Amino acid sequence: MFGRILKFMFTGKDNESFELIRGLTALCVIMMLVFIGFHLVVHKIFAPLEAAGGLAALLFGGGAGSAIKDGTLSKPKPAGPAATIQSADSVTVS
């Protein structure tokens, strides 16, 4: 079970090929957490806004990099016909 979750986290769209950007993003997040813990132990100071900002930047960068590589940041497809309800008795599709 846990192995399947890790496989889905680190493979691409086909769930077969390992993606380096996903592995590096996970490594960066782990190193950031280690850095936060080290800073807390050594300096006895924890700045939650800076820690959260750093982690958010790492996650955003990794996610954006994966999305750009996969091509999922293209223009959204136009929506299909929308249903318009004019009254409780009739529904029209435009």
PDB file of N, CA and C in Angstrom:
ATOM      1  N   MET A   1       0.829  -1.198   0.000  1.00  0.00           N
ATOM      2  CA  MET A   1       0.000   0.000   0.000  1.00  0.00           C
ATOM      3  C   MET A   1       0.867   1.253   0.000  1.00  0.00           C
ATOM      4  N   PHE A   2       1.798   1.333   0.961  1.00  0.00           N
ATOM      5  CA  PHE A   2       2.660   2.513   1.043  1.00  0.00           C
ATOM      6  C   PHE A   2       3.567   2.616  -0.172  1.00  0.00           C
ATOM      7  N   GLY A   3       4.001   1.470  -0.687  1.00  0.00           N
ATOM      8  CA  GLY A   3       4.838   1.457  -1.883  1.00  0.00           C
ATOM      9  C   GLY A   3       4.101   1.979  -3.098  1.00  0.00           C
ATOM     10  N   ARG A   4       2.815   1.661  -3.211  1.00  0.00           N
ATOM     11  CA  ARG A   4       2.015   2.172  -4.338  1.00  0.00           C
ATOM     12  C   ARG A   4       1.854   3.677  -4.247  1.00  0.00           C
ATOM     13  N   ILE A   5       1.673   4.191  -3.036  1.00  0.00           N
ATOM     14  CA  ILE A   5       1.539   5.642  -2.863  1.00  0.00           C
ATOM     15  C   ILE A   5       2.827   6.332  -3.276  1.00  0.00           C
ATOM     16  N   LEU A   6       3.967   5.776  -2.845  1.00  0.00           N
ATOM     17  CA  LEU A   6       5.250   6.359  -3.249  1.00  0.00           C
ATOM     18  C   LEU A   6       5.450   6.276  -4.753  1.00  0.00           C
ATOM     19  N   LYS A   7       5.014   5.192  -5.360  1.00  0.00           N
ATOM     20  CA  LYS A   7       5.141   5.058  -6.811  1.00  0.00           C
ATOM     21  C   LYS A   7       4.337   6.145  -7.516  1.00  0.00           C
ATOM     22  N   PHE A   8       3.131   6.400  -7.061  1.00  0.00           N
ATOM     23  CA  PHE A   8       2.298   7.430  -7.679  1.00  0.00           C
ATOM     24  C   PHE A   8       2.860   8.826  -7.442  1.00  0.00           C
ATOM     25  N   MET A   9       3.546   9.019  -6.320  1.00  0.00           N
ATOM     26  CA  MET A   9       4.112  10.340  -6.021  1.00  0.00           C
ATOM     27  C   MET A   9       5.298  10.681  -6.918  1.00  0.00           C
ATOM     28  N   PHE A  10       6.087   9.681  -7.293  1.00  0.00           N
ATOM     29  CA  PHE A  10       7.343   9.953  -7.977  1.00  0.00           C
ATOM     30  C   PHE A  10       7.363   9.554  -9.445  1.00  0.00           C
ATOM     31  N   THR A  11       6.261   9.082  -9.977  1.00  0.00           N
ATOM     32  CA  THR A  11       6.227   8.744 -11.400  1.00  0.00           C
ATOM     33  C   THR A  11       5.372   9.744 -12.152  1.00  0.00           C
ATOM     34  N   GLY A  12       5.518   9.717 -13.463  1.00  0.00           N
ATOM     35  CA  GLY A  12       4.803  10.674 -14.305  1.00  0.00           C
ATOM     36  C   GLY A  12       3.379  10.255 -14.576  1.00  0.00           C
ATOM     37  N   LYS A  13       2.843  10.777 -15.679  1.00  0.00           N
ATOM     38  CA  LYS A  13       1.457  10.498 -16.033  1.00  0.00           C
ATOM     39  C   LYS A  13       1.202   9.018 -16.298  1.00  0.00           C
ATOM     40  N   ASP A  14       2.211   8.334 -16.814  1.00  0.00           N
ATOM     41  CA  ASP A  14       2.031   6.915 -17.139  1.00  0.00           C
ATOM     42  C   ASP A  14       2.187   6.002 -15.930  1.00  0.00           C
ATOM     43  N   ASN A  15       2.560   6.534 -14.783  1.00  0.00           N
ATOM     44  CA  ASN A  15       2.781   5.785 -13.541  1.00  0.00           C
ATOM     45  C   ASN A  15       3.819   4.676 -13.700  1.00  0.00           C
ATOM     46  N   GLU A  16       4.740   4.847 -14.625  1.00  0.00           N
ATOM     47  CA  GLU A  16       5.807   3.874 -14.834  1.00  0.00           C
ATOM     48  C   GLU A  16       7.184   4.522 -14.761  1.00  0.00           C
ATOM     49  N   SER A  17       7.351   5.687 -15.370  1.00  0.00           N
ATOM     50  CA  SER A  17       8.677   6.308 -15.451  1.00  0.00           C
ATOM     51  C   SER A  17       8.881   7.285 -14.286  1.00  0.00           C
ATOM     52  N   PHE A  18      10.028   7.161 -13.645  1.00  0.00           N
ATOM     53  CA  PHE A  18      10.392   8.039 -12.531  1.00  0.00           C
ATOM     54  C   PHE A  18      10.680   9.436 -13.063  1.00  0.00           C
ATOM     55  N   GLU A  19      10.186  10.461 -12.380  1.00  0.00           N
ATOM     56  CA  GLU A  19      10.441  11.840 -12.780  1.00  0.00           C
ATOM     57  C   GLU A  19      11.395  12.483 -11.790  1.00  0.00           C
ATOM     58  N   LEU A  20      12.483  12.976 -12.303  1.00  0.00           N
ATOM     59  CA  LEU A  20      13.516  13.571 -11.470  1.00  0.00           C
ATOM     60  C   LEU A  20      12.995  14.802 -10.724  1.00  0.00           C
ATOM     61  N   ILE A  21      12.167  15.617 -11.357  1.00  0.00           N
ATOM     62  CA  ILE A  21      11.689  16.850 -10.715  1.00  0.00           C
ATOM     63  C   ILE A  21      10.852  16.527  -9.474  1.00  0.00           C
ATOM     64  N   ARG A  22      10.095  15.457  -9.516  1.00  0.00           N
ATOM     65  CA  ARG A  22       9.291  15.082  -8.344  1.00  0.00           C
ATOM     66  C   ARG A  22      10.182  14.596  -7.206  1.00  0.00           C
ATOM     67  N   GLY A  23      11.209  13.830  -7.540  1.00  0.00           N
ATOM     68  CA  GLY A  23      12.155  13.365  -6.534  1.00  0.00           C
ATOM     69  C   GLY A  23      12.934  14.513  -5.914  1.00  0.00           C
ATOM     70  N   LEU A  24      13.359  15.457  -6.751  1.00  0.00           N
ATOM     71  CA  LEU A  24      14.105  16.608  -6.238  1.00  0.00           C
ATOM     72  C   LEU A  24      13.224  17.517  -5.389  1.00  0.00           C
ATOM     73  N   THR A  25      11.967  17.654  -5.756  1.00  0.00           N
ATOM     74  CA  THR A  25      11.046  18.453  -4.943  1.00  0.00           C
ATOM     75  C   THR A  25      10.871  17.814  -3.568  1.00  0.00           C
ATOM     76  N   ALA A  26      10.696  16.504  -3.535  1.00  0.00           N
ATOM     77  CA  ALA A  26      10.569  15.809  -2.249  1.00  0.00           C
ATOM     78  C   ALA A  26      11.848  15.958  -1.430  1.00  0.00           C
ATOM     79  N   LEU A  27      13.003  15.840  -2.077  1.00  0.00           N
ATOM     80  CA  LEU A  27      14.269  16.019  -1.379  1.00  0.00           C
ATOM     81  C   LEU A  27      14.400  17.437  -0.816  1.00  0.00           C
ATOM     82  N   CYS A  28      14.001  18.431  -1.583  1.00  0.00           N
ATOM     83  CA  CYS A  28      14.059  19.819  -1.103  1.00  0.00           C
ATOM     84  C   CYS A  28      13.138  20.041   0.092  1.00  0.00           C
ATOM     85  N   VAL A  29      11.957  19.464   0.050  1.00  0.00           N
ATOM     86  CA  VAL A  29      11.024  19.614   1.173  1.00  0.00           C
ATOM     87  C   VAL A  29      11.583  18.931   2.418  1.00  0.00           C
ATOM     88  N   ILE A  30      12.151  17.746   2.262  1.00  0.00           N
ATOM     89  CA  ILE A  30      12.751  17.057   3.411  1.00  0.00           C
ATOM     90  C   ILE A  30      13.909  17.866   3.973  1.00  0.00           C
ATOM     91  N   MET A  31      14.755  18.409   3.111  1.00  0.00           N
ATOM     92  CA  MET A  31      15.883  19.220   3.576  1.00  0.00           C
ATOM     93  C   MET A  31      15.406  20.499   4.258  1.00  0.00           C
ATOM     94  N   MET A  32      14.329  21.079   3.779  1.00  0.00           N
ATOM     95  CA  MET A  32      13.773  22.274   4.420  1.00  0.00           C
ATOM     96  C   MET A  32      13.276  21.936   5.817  1.00  0.00           C
ATOM     97  N   LEU A  33      12.618  20.793   5.968  1.00  0.00           N
ATOM     98  CA  LEU A  33      12.147  20.384   7.293  1.00  0.00           C
ATOM     99  C   LEU A  33      13.318  20.111   8.229  1.00  0.00           C
ATOM    100  N   VAL A  34      14.384  19.504   7.716  1.00  0.00           N
ATOM    101  CA  VAL A  34      15.583  19.282   8.523  1.00  0.00           C
ATOM    102  C   VAL A  34      16.205  20.614   8.931  1.00  0.00           C
ATOM    103  N   PHE A  35      16.262  21.549   7.990  1.00  0.00           N
ATOM    104  CA  PHE A  35      16.813  22.870   8.291  1.00  0.00           C
ATOM    105  C   PHE A  35      15.991  23.574   9.366  1.00  0.00           C
ATOM    106  N   ILE A  36      14.677  23.486   9.279  1.00  0.00           N
ATOM    107  CA  ILE A  36      13.809  24.102  10.290  1.00  0.00           C
ATOM    108  C   ILE A  36      14.071  23.472  11.659  1.00  0.00           C
ATOM    109  N   GLY A  37      14.152  22.137  11.698  1.00  0.00           N
ATOM    110  CA  GLY A  37      14.432  21.461  12.963  1.00  0.00           C
ATOM    111  C   GLY A  37      15.795  21.816  13.515  1.00  0.00           C
ATOM    112  N   PHE A  38      16.817  21.858  12.663  1.00  0.00           N
ATOM    113  CA  PHE A  38      18.161  22.227  13.099  1.00  0.00           C
ATOM    114  C   PHE A  38      18.185  23.654  13.651  1.00  0.00           C
ATOM    115  N   HIS A  39      17.523  24.558  12.951  1.00  0.00           N
ATOM    116  CA  HIS A  39      17.473  25.946  13.392  1.00  0.00           C
ATOM    117  C   HIS A  39      16.749  26.061  14.732  1.00  0.00           C
ATOM    118  N   LEU A  40      15.721  25.266  14.909  1.00  0.00           N
ATOM    119  CA  LEU A  40      14.984  25.285  16.174  1.00  0.00           C
ATOM    120  C   LEU A  40      15.837  24.757  17.319  1.00  0.00           C
ATOM    121  N   VAL A  41      16.602  23.709  17.078  1.00  0.00           N
ATOM    122  CA  VAL A  41      17.436  23.119  18.133  1.00  0.00           C
ATOM    123  C   VAL A  41      18.614  24.026  18.471  1.00  0.00           C
ATOM    124  N   VAL A  42      19.283  24.557  17.451  1.00  0.00           N
ATOM    125  CA  VAL A  42      20.500  25.338  17.681  1.00  0.00           C
ATOM    126  C   VAL A  42      20.188  26.739  18.185  1.00  0.00           C
ATOM    127  N   HIS A  43      19.273  27.430  17.535  1.00  0.00           N
ATOM    128  CA  HIS A  43      19.007  28.839  17.864  1.00  0.00           C
ATOM    129  C   HIS A  43      17.817  29.039  18.791  1.00  0.00           C
ATOM    130  N   LYS A  44      17.050  27.986  19.031  1.00  0.00           N
ATOM    131  CA  LYS A  44      15.870  28.042  19.906  1.00  0.00           C
ATOM    132  C   LYS A  44      14.835  29.070  19.431  1.00  0.00           C
ATOM    133  N   ILE A  45      14.792  29.270  18.132  1.00  0.00           N
ATOM    134  CA  ILE A  45      13.838  30.223  17.544  1.00  0.00           C
ATOM    135  C   ILE A  45      13.105  29.513  16.408  1.00  0.00           C
ATOM    136  N   PHE A  46      11.801  29.721  16.366  1.00  0.00           N
ATOM    137  CA  PHE A  46      11.008  29.180  15.258  1.00  0.00           C
ATOM    138  C   PHE A  46      10.152  30.296  14.696  1.00  0.00           C
ATOM    139  N   ALA A  47      10.301  30.564  13.423  1.00  0.00           N
ATOM    140  CA  ALA A  47       9.511  31.590  12.744  1.00  0.00           C
ATOM    141  C   ALA A  47       8.542  30.883  11.796  1.00  0.00           C
ATOM    142  N   PRO A  48       7.311  30.685  12.221  1.00  0.00           N
ATOM    143  CA  PRO A  48       6.387  29.892  11.400  1.00  0.00           C
ATOM    144  C   PRO A  48       6.077  30.513  10.043  1.00  0.00           C
ATOM    145  N   LEU A  49       6.000  31.837   9.954  1.00  0.00           N
ATOM    146  CA  LEU A  49       5.707  32.454   8.657  1.00  0.00           C
ATOM    147  C   LEU A  49       6.836  32.229   7.657  1.00  0.00           C
ATOM    148  N   GLU A  50       8.065  32.346   8.115  1.00  0.00           N
ATOM    149  CA  GLU A  50       9.186  32.125   7.206  1.00  0.00           C
ATOM    150  C   GLU A  50       9.291  30.658   6.817  1.00  0.00           C
ATOM    151  N   ALA A  51       9.058  29.768   7.767  1.00  0.00           N
ATOM    152  CA  ALA A  51       9.106  28.340   7.463  1.00  0.00           C
ATOM    153  C   ALA A  51       7.999  27.961   6.480  1.00  0.00           C
ATOM    154  N   ALA A  52       6.802  28.435   6.722  1.00  0.00           N
ATOM    155  CA  ALA A  52       5.682  28.127   5.830  1.00  0.00           C
ATOM    156  C   ALA A  52       5.895  28.755   4.458  1.00  0.00           C
ATOM    157  N   GLY A  53       6.438  29.954   4.429  1.00  0.00           N
ATOM    158  CA  GLY A  53       6.712  30.603   3.142  1.00  0.00           C
ATOM    159  C   GLY A  53       7.746  29.842   2.335  1.00  0.00           C
ATOM    160  N   GLY A  54       8.793  29.377   2.992  1.00  0.00           N
ATOM    161  CA  GLY A  54       9.814  28.599   2.296  1.00  0.00           C
ATOM    162  C   GLY A  54       9.282  27.284   1.777  1.00  0.00           C
ATOM    163  N   LEU A  55       8.515  26.574   2.605  1.00  0.00           N
ATOM    164  CA  LEU A  55       7.929  25.316   2.163  1.00  0.00           C
ATOM    165  C   LEU A  55       6.919  25.534   1.035  1.00  0.00           C
ATOM    166  N   ALA A  56       6.138  26.595   1.127  1.00  0.00           N
ATOM    167  CA  ALA A  56       5.168  26.887   0.073  1.00  0.00           C
ATOM    168  C   ALA A  56       5.875  27.196  -1.243  1.00  0.00           C
ATOM    169  N   ALA A  57       6.972  27.937  -1.177  1.00  0.00           N
ATOM    170  CA  ALA A  57       7.720  28.249  -2.394  1.00  0.00           C
ATOM    171  C   ALA A  57       8.299  26.988  -3.023  1.00  0.00           C
ATOM    172  N   LEU A  58       8.816  26.075  -2.199  1.00  0.00           N
ATOM    173  CA  LEU A  58       9.344  24.823  -2.731  1.00  0.00           C
ATOM    174  C   LEU A  58       8.251  23.977  -3.374  1.00  0.00           C
ATOM    175  N   LEU A  59       7.116  23.864  -2.705  1.00  0.00           N
ATOM    176  CA  LEU A  59       6.026  23.064  -3.254  1.00  0.00           C
ATOM    177  C   LEU A  59       5.450  23.695  -4.521  1.00  0.00           C
ATOM    178  N   PHE A  60       5.323  25.009  -4.530  1.00  0.00           N
ATOM    179  CA  PHE A  60       4.809  25.688  -5.719  1.00  0.00           C
ATOM    180  C   PHE A  60       5.771  25.513  -6.890  1.00  0.00           C
ATOM    181  N   GLY A  61       7.060  25.691  -6.623  1.00  0.00           N
ATOM    182  CA  GLY A  61       8.044  25.541  -7.698  1.00  0.00           C
ATOM    183  C   GLY A  61       8.072  24.136  -8.256  1.00  0.00           C
ATOM    184  N   GLY A  62       8.026  23.140  -7.385  1.00  0.00           N
ATOM    185  CA  GLY A  62       8.018  21.759  -7.854  1.00  0.00           C
ATOM    186  C   GLY A  62       6.759  21.415  -8.625  1.00  0.00           C
ATOM    187  N   GLY A  63       5.625  21.862  -8.117  1.00  0.00           N
ATOM    188  CA  GLY A  63       4.363  21.595  -8.809  1.00  0.00           C
ATOM    189  C   GLY A  63       4.276  22.314 -10.141  1.00  0.00           C
ATOM    190  N   ALA A  64       4.724  23.556 -10.172  1.00  0.00           N
ATOM    191  CA  ALA A  64       4.707  24.308 -11.434  1.00  0.00           C
ATOM    192  C   ALA A  64       5.676  23.693 -12.442  1.00  0.00           C
ATOM    193  N   GLY A  65       6.840  23.269 -11.965  1.00  0.00           N
ATOM    194  CA  GLY A  65       7.791  22.621 -12.866  1.00  0.00           C
ATOM    195  C   GLY A  65       7.235  21.337 -13.457  1.00  0.00           C
ATOM    196  N   SER A  66       6.572  20.532 -12.642  1.00  0.00           N
ATOM    197  CA  SER A  66       5.957  19.299 -13.148  1.00  0.00           C
ATOM    198  C   SER A  66       4.837  19.609 -14.134  1.00  0.00           C
ATOM    199  N   ALA A  67       4.030  20.618 -13.820  1.00  0.00           N
ATOM    200  CA  ALA A  67       2.921  20.975 -14.701  1.00  0.00           C
ATOM    201  C   ALA A  67       3.423  21.507 -16.040  1.00  0.00           C
ATOM    202  N   ILE A  68       4.480  22.295 -16.012  1.00  0.00           N
ATOM    203  CA  ILE A  68       5.041  22.818 -17.259  1.00  0.00           C
ATOM    204  C   ILE A  68       5.620  21.670 -18.084  1.00  0.00           C
ATOM    205  N   LYS A  69       6.335  20.759 -17.440  1.00  0.00           N
ATOM    206  CA  LYS A  69       6.925  19.638 -18.148  1.00  0.00           C
ATOM    207  C   LYS A  69       5.853  18.721 -18.740  1.00  0.00           C
ATOM    208  N   ASP A  70       4.792  18.480 -17.985  1.00  0.00           N
ATOM    209  CA  ASP A  70       3.721  17.603 -18.459  1.00  0.00           C
ATOM    210  C   ASP A  70       2.818  18.284 -19.478  1.00  0.00           C
ATOM    211  N   GLY A  71       2.894  19.605 -19.562  1.00  0.00           N
ATOM    212  CA  GLY A  71       2.051  20.334 -20.509  1.00  0.00           C
ATOM    213  C   GLY A  71       0.634  20.528 -20.020  1.00  0.00           C
ATOM    214  N   THR A  72       0.423  20.511 -18.725  1.00  0.00           N
ATOM    215  CA  THR A  72      -0.929  20.682 -18.195  1.00  0.00           C
ATOM    216  C   THR A  72      -1.250  22.131 -17.869  1.00  0.00           C
ATOM    217  N   LEU A  73      -0.363  23.050 -18.201  1.00  0.00           N
ATOM    218  CA  LEU A  73      -0.634  24.465 -17.961  1.00  0.00           C
ATOM    219  C   LEU A  73      -1.110  25.171 -19.218  1.00  0.00           C
ATOM    220  N   SER A  74      -1.612  24.419 -20.192  1.00  0.00           N
ATOM    221  CA  SER A  74      -2.088  25.032 -21.422  1.00  0.00           C
ATOM    222  C   SER A  74      -3.411  25.749 -21.163  1.00  0.00           C
ATOM    223  N   LYS A  75      -3.901  26.408 -22.188  1.00  0.00           N
ATOM    224  CA  LYS A  75      -5.155  27.143 -22.046  1.00  0.00           C
ATOM    225  C   LYS A  75      -6.283  26.170 -21.728  1.00  0.00           C
ATOM    226  N   PRO A  76      -7.204  26.576 -20.861  1.00  0.00           N
ATOM    227  CA  PRO A  76      -8.314  25.681 -20.547  1.00  0.00           C
ATOM    228  C   PRO A  76      -9.213  25.491 -21.768  1.00  0.00           C
ATOM    229  N   LYS A  77      -9.759  24.297 -21.885  1.00  0.00           N
ATOM    230  CA  LYS A  77     -10.652  24.007 -22.995  1.00  0.00           C
ATOM    231  C   LYS A  77     -11.983  24.716 -22.756  1.00  0.00           C
ATOM    232  N   PRO A  78     -12.603  25.182 -23.832  1.00  0.00           N
ATOM    233  CA  PRO A  78     -13.903  25.838 -23.637  1.00  0.00           C
ATOM    234  C   PRO A  78     -14.925  24.844 -23.095  1.00  0.00           C
ATOM    235  N   ALA A  79     -15.784  25.359 -22.258  1.00  0.00           N
ATOM    236  CA  ALA A  79     -16.814  24.517 -21.650  1.00  0.00           C
ATOM    237  C   ALA A  79     -17.845  24.123 -22.688  1.00  0.00           C
ATOM    238  N   GLY A  80     -18.480  23.025 -22.448  1.00  0.00           N
ATOM    239  CA  GLY A  80     -19.533  22.553 -23.338  1.00  0.00           C
ATOM    240  C   GLY A  80     -20.793  23.378 -23.158  1.00  0.00           C
ATOM    241  N   PRO A  81     -21.865  22.925 -23.727  1.00  0.00           N
ATOM    242  CA  PRO A  81     -23.114  23.685 -23.597  1.00  0.00           C
ATOM    243  C   PRO A  81     -23.558  23.756 -22.142  1.00  0.00           C
ATOM    244  N   ALA A  82     -23.997  24.914 -21.762  1.00  0.00           N
ATOM    245  CA  ALA A  82     -24.431  25.134 -20.385  1.00  0.00           C
ATOM    246  C   ALA A  82     -25.939  24.997 -20.289  1.00  0.00           C
ATOM    247  N   ALA A  83     -26.389  24.455 -19.202  1.00  0.00           N
ATOM    248  CA  ALA A  83     -27.826  24.321 -18.976  1.00  0.00           C
ATOM    249  C   ALA A  83     -28.344  25.580 -18.296  1.00  0.00           C
ATOM    250  N   THR A  84     -29.400  26.132 -18.841  1.00  0.00           N
ATOM    251  CA  THR A  84     -30.016  27.326 -18.278  1.00  0.00           C
ATOM    252  C   THR A  84     -31.422  26.984 -17.811  1.00  0.00           C
ATOM    253  N   ILE A  85     -31.694  27.222 -16.580  1.00  0.00           N
ATOM    254  CA  ILE A  85     -33.028  26.934 -16.053  1.00  0.00           C
ATOM    255  C   ILE A  85     -33.804  28.236 -16.047  1.00  0.00           C
ATOM    256  N   GLN A  86     -34.858  28.282 -16.852  1.00  0.00           N
ATOM    257  CA  GLN A  86     -35.687  29.486 -16.932  1.00  0.00           C
ATOM    258  C   GLN A  86     -36.864  29.409 -15.960  1.00  0.00           C
ATOM    259  N   SER A  87     -37.373  28.250 -15.758  1.00  0.00           N
ATOM    260  CA  SER A  87     -38.438  28.066 -14.783  1.00  0.00           C
ATOM    261  C   SER A  87     -38.295  26.662 -14.194  1.00  0.00           C
ATOM    262  N   ALA A  88     -39.119  26.359 -13.247  1.00  0.00           N
ATOM    263  CA  ALA A  88     -39.046  25.057 -12.618  1.00  0.00           C
ATOM    264  C   ALA A  88     -39.505  23.947 -13.562  1.00  0.00           C
ATOM    265  N   ASP A  89     -40.239  24.305 -14.615  1.00  0.00           N
ATOM    266  CA  ASP A  89     -40.791  23.303 -15.517  1.00  0.00           C
ATOM    267  C   ASP A  89     -39.939  23.079 -16.769  1.00  0.00           C
ATOM    268  N   SER A  90     -39.181  24.088 -17.175  1.00  0.00           N
ATOM    269  CA  SER A  90     -38.450  23.935 -18.440  1.00  0.00           C
ATOM    270  C   SER A  90     -36.960  24.163 -18.219  1.00  0.00           C
ATOM    271  N   VAL A  91     -36.178  23.373 -18.920  1.00  0.00           N
ATOM    272  CA  VAL A  91     -34.727  23.510 -18.895  1.00  0.00           C
ATOM    273  C   VAL A  91     -34.282  23.599 -20.348  1.00  0.00           C
ATOM    274  N   THR A  92     -33.523  24.647 -20.666  1.00  0.00           N
ATOM    275  CA  THR A  92     -33.017  24.800 -22.029  1.00  0.00           C
ATOM    276  C   THR A  92     -31.507  24.669 -22.010  1.00  0.00           C
ATOM    277  N   VAL A  93     -30.985  24.116 -23.083  1.00  0.00           N
ATOM    278  CA  VAL A  93     -29.535  23.965 -23.234  1.00  0.00           C
ATOM    279  C   VAL A  93     -29.084  24.932 -24.301  1.00  0.00           C
ATOM    280  N   SER A  94     -28.143  25.786 -23.941  1.00  0.00           N
ATOM    281  CA  SER A  94     -27.665  26.749 -24.938  1.00  0.00           C
ATOM    282  C   SER A  94     -26.212  26.507 -25.244  1.00  0.00           C
TER     283      SER A  94
END
